[in-house]
C-alpha atoms as a PDB file:
ATOM      1  CA  MET A   1       9.123  18.539  -2.552  1.00  0.00           C
ATOM      2  CA  SER A   2       8.598  15.801   0.045  1.00  0.00           C
ATOM      3  CA  SER A   3       9.056  12.108  -0.626  1.00  0.00           C
ATOM      4  CA  LEU A   4       5.297  11.611  -0.504  1.00  0.00           C
ATOM      5  CA  GLU A   5       4.750  14.362  -3.050  1.00  0.00           C
ATOM      6  CA  GLN A   6       7.363  12.759  -5.315  1.00  0.00           C
ATOM      7  CA  ILE A   7       5.631   9.386  -5.004  1.00  0.00           C
ATOM      8  CA  GLU A   8       2.241  10.935  -5.746  1.00  0.00           C
ATOM      9  CA  ALA A   9       3.630  12.691  -8.821  1.00  0.00           C
ATOM     10  CA  ALA A  10       5.242   9.462 -10.055  1.00  0.00           C
ATOM     11  CA  ILE A  11       1.997   7.544  -9.583  1.00  0.00           C
ATOM     12  CA  LEU A  12       0.171  10.042 -11.758  1.00  0.00           C
ATOM     13  CA  THR A  13       2.546   9.255 -14.622  1.00  0.00           C
ATOM     14  CA  LEU A  14       2.033   5.477 -14.549  1.00  0.00           C
ATOM     15  CA  ALA A  15       0.434   3.694 -17.453  1.00  0.00           C
ATOM     16  CA  SER A  16      -2.877   2.091 -16.560  1.00  0.00           C
ATOM     17  CA  ASP A  17      -1.420  -1.431 -16.385  1.00  0.00           C
ATOM     18  CA  GLU A  18       1.375  -0.265 -14.079  1.00  0.00           C
ATOM     19  CA  PHE A  19      -1.142   1.611 -11.953  1.00  0.00           C
ATOM     20  CA  GLN A  20      -3.220  -1.567 -11.645  1.00  0.00           C
ATOM     21  CA  ARG A  21      -0.144  -3.533 -10.533  1.00  0.00           C
ATOM     22  CA  LEU A  22       0.691  -0.845  -7.954  1.00  0.00           C
ATOM     23  CA  ARG A  23      -2.885  -0.808  -6.724  1.00  0.00           C
ATOM     24  CA  GLN A  24      -2.885  -4.572  -6.234  1.00  0.00           C
ATOM     25  CA  TRP A  25       0.507  -4.473  -4.502  1.00  0.00           C
ATOM     26  CA  PHE A  26      -0.679  -1.712  -2.159  1.00  0.00           C
ATOM     27  CA  PHE A  27      -3.879  -3.619  -1.392  1.00  0.00           C
ATOM     28  CA  ASN A  28      -1.842  -6.741  -0.527  1.00  0.00           C
ATOM     29  CA  VAL A  29       0.549  -4.820   1.729  1.00  0.00           C
ATOM     30  CA  ASP A  30      -2.334  -3.044   3.471  1.00  0.00           C
ATOM     31  CA  TYR A  31      -4.197  -6.315   4.009  1.00  0.00           C
ATOM     32  CA  GLN A  32      -1.075  -8.024   5.392  1.00  0.00           C
ATOM     33  CA  ARG A  33      -0.469  -5.177   7.866  1.00  0.00           C
ATOM     34  CA  TRP A  34      -4.112  -5.324   8.957  1.00  0.00           C
ATOM     35  CA  ASP A  35      -3.889  -9.111   9.354  1.00  0.00           C
ATOM     36  CA  ASP A  36      -0.652  -8.832  11.360  1.00  0.00           C
ATOM     37  CA  GLN A  37      -2.234  -6.231  13.646  1.00  0.00           C
ATOM     38  CA  LEU A  38      -5.317  -8.384  14.155  1.00  0.00           C
ATOM     39  CA  GLU A  39      -3.163 -11.382  15.084  1.00  0.00           C
ATOM     40  CA  GLN A  40      -1.211  -9.237  17.540  1.00  0.00           C
ATOM     41  CA  ASP A  41      -4.399  -7.878  19.094  1.00  0.00           C
ATOM     42  CA  VAL A  42      -5.805 -11.393  19.509  1.00  0.00           C
ATOM     43  CA  ALA A  43      -2.552 -12.590  21.080  1.00  0.00           C
ATOM     44  CA  ASN A  44      -2.630  -9.647  23.506  1.00  0.00           C
ATOM     45  CA  GLY A  45      -6.222 -10.411  24.487  1.00  0.00           C
END
């Protein structure tokens, strides 16, 4: 089983409040990466 498959399986076992916390954390990380990329693109012209 790959690491991703292990993560997916673990996510499926989370209680709804833990899943909500994970979802918010993932959203924040994704947004920060997008924001960092946008800043880099602007800096590069």
